[in-house]
Amino acid sequence: MLYNVEGKEGNWTGDFEPVIGQRVNIIFNSLGKGTIVNRKVVNGFIAVEVTLDKNPTWRKQNLIRLNLPEYTPALAFGPEVSLI
């Protein structure tokens, strides 16, 4: 079991313990490299929020469409994330 920043308990399904500030690569949707900025519990599982080094074009377009800033962190779960 791990905890998010608010102390909420959740299961992490990755092969490393995520720490804020770690450099990672998000495999899901080929999002790419970035830095973990938060951990949160989603439906009992720990997810990491990652500020990406470079947003893919499709993600930039979606963020603009949703009126969100380009630096909005991506959310990913254990199997989708690897350490750099």
Protein backbone atom coordinates (compact mmCIF):
# COMPACT_ATOMS: atom_id res chain seq x y z
CA MET A 1 0.00 0.00 0.00
CA LEU A 2 1.08 3.54 -0.75
CA TYR A 3 -0.41 6.88 0.19
CA ASN A 4 -1.13 9.98 -1.82
CA VAL A 5 -0.14 13.43 -0.60
CA GLU A 6 -3.35 13.73 1.47
CA GLY A 7 -2.60 10.43 3.27
CA LYS A 8 -5.24 8.43 1.38
CA GLU A 9 -4.32 4.75 0.95
CA GLY A 10 -4.26 3.00 -2.43
CA ASN A 11 -2.66 0.17 -4.39
CA TRP A 12 0.25 0.92 -6.73
CA THR A 13 0.52 -1.62 -9.56
CA GLY A 14 3.87 -0.52 -11.00
CA ASP A 15 7.28 -2.11 -10.49
CA PHE A 16 8.81 0.88 -8.63
CA GLU A 17 7.62 3.17 -5.85
CA PRO A 18 6.63 6.51 -7.39
CA VAL A 19 8.16 9.56 -5.73
CA ILE A 20 7.40 13.19 -6.52
CA GLY A 21 10.22 14.58 -8.64
CA GLN A 22 11.11 11.25 -10.30
CA ARG A 23 11.68 11.23 -14.06
CA VAL A 24 9.44 8.74 -15.86
CA ASN A 25 8.24 7.69 -19.29
CA ILE A 26 4.50 7.23 -19.85
CA ILE A 27 4.01 4.41 -22.35
CA PHE A 28 0.21 4.81 -22.50
CA ASN A 29 -0.79 6.74 -25.65
CA SER A 30 2.93 7.41 -26.24
CA LEU A 31 2.75 10.43 -23.92
CA GLY A 32 6.49 10.31 -23.34
CA LYS A 33 8.88 11.62 -20.69
CA GLY A 34 8.09 13.84 -17.76
CA THR A 35 8.32 14.44 -14.03
CA ILE A 36 6.00 13.10 -11.31
CA VAL A 37 4.33 16.07 -9.60
CA ASN A 38 1.65 14.28 -7.53
CA ARG A 39 0.19 10.95 -6.49
CA LYS A 40 -3.55 10.50 -6.16
CA VAL A 41 -5.96 7.69 -5.36
CA VAL A 42 -8.44 6.82 -8.11
CA ASN A 43 -10.91 4.00 -7.39
CA GLY A 44 -8.55 2.47 -4.82
CA PHE A 45 -5.43 2.65 -7.00
CA ILE A 46 -2.53 5.08 -6.86
CA ALA A 47 -2.07 7.11 -10.03
CA VAL A 48 0.69 9.58 -10.75
CA GLU A 49 0.29 13.04 -12.23
CA VAL A 50 3.15 13.78 -14.59
CA THR A 51 4.13 17.10 -16.14
CA LEU A 52 5.28 16.10 -19.62
CA ASP A 53 8.44 17.44 -21.22
CA LYS A 54 6.59 17.78 -24.52
CA ASN A 55 2.89 17.21 -25.14
CA PRO A 56 1.98 15.22 -28.26
CA THR A 57 0.09 17.35 -30.80
CA TRP A 58 -3.19 15.50 -30.19
CA ARG A 59 -2.95 16.21 -26.44
CA LYS A 60 -2.18 19.91 -27.00
CA GLN A 61 -5.28 20.16 -29.19
CA ASN A 62 -7.44 18.43 -26.54
CA LEU A 63 -6.15 20.70 -23.78
CA ILE A 64 -6.93 23.79 -25.89
CA ARG A 65 -10.40 22.42 -26.68
CA LEU A 66 -11.01 21.87 -22.94
CA ASN A 67 -9.63 25.33 -22.12
CA LEU A 68 -6.87 23.82 -19.95
CA PRO A 69 -3.26 25.04 -19.74
CA GLU A 70 -0.63 23.19 -21.77
CA TYR A 71 1.23 22.25 -18.59
CA THR A 72 -1.76 20.30 -17.18
CA PRO A 73 -0.32 17.04 -15.79
CA ALA A 74 -1.11 13.70 -17.42
CA LEU A 75 -2.59 10.96 -15.20
CA ALA A 76 -1.15 7.44 -15.41
CA PHE A 77 -1.25 4.17 -13.48
CA GLY A 78 1.54 1.72 -12.60
CA PRO A 79 1.79 -0.49 -15.72
CA GLU A 80 1.74 2.61 -17.95
CA VAL A 81 4.81 4.20 -16.32
CA SER A 82 8.51 3.30 -16.34
CA LEU A 83 11.50 4.99 -14.72
CA ILE A 84 13.95 6.78 -16.99
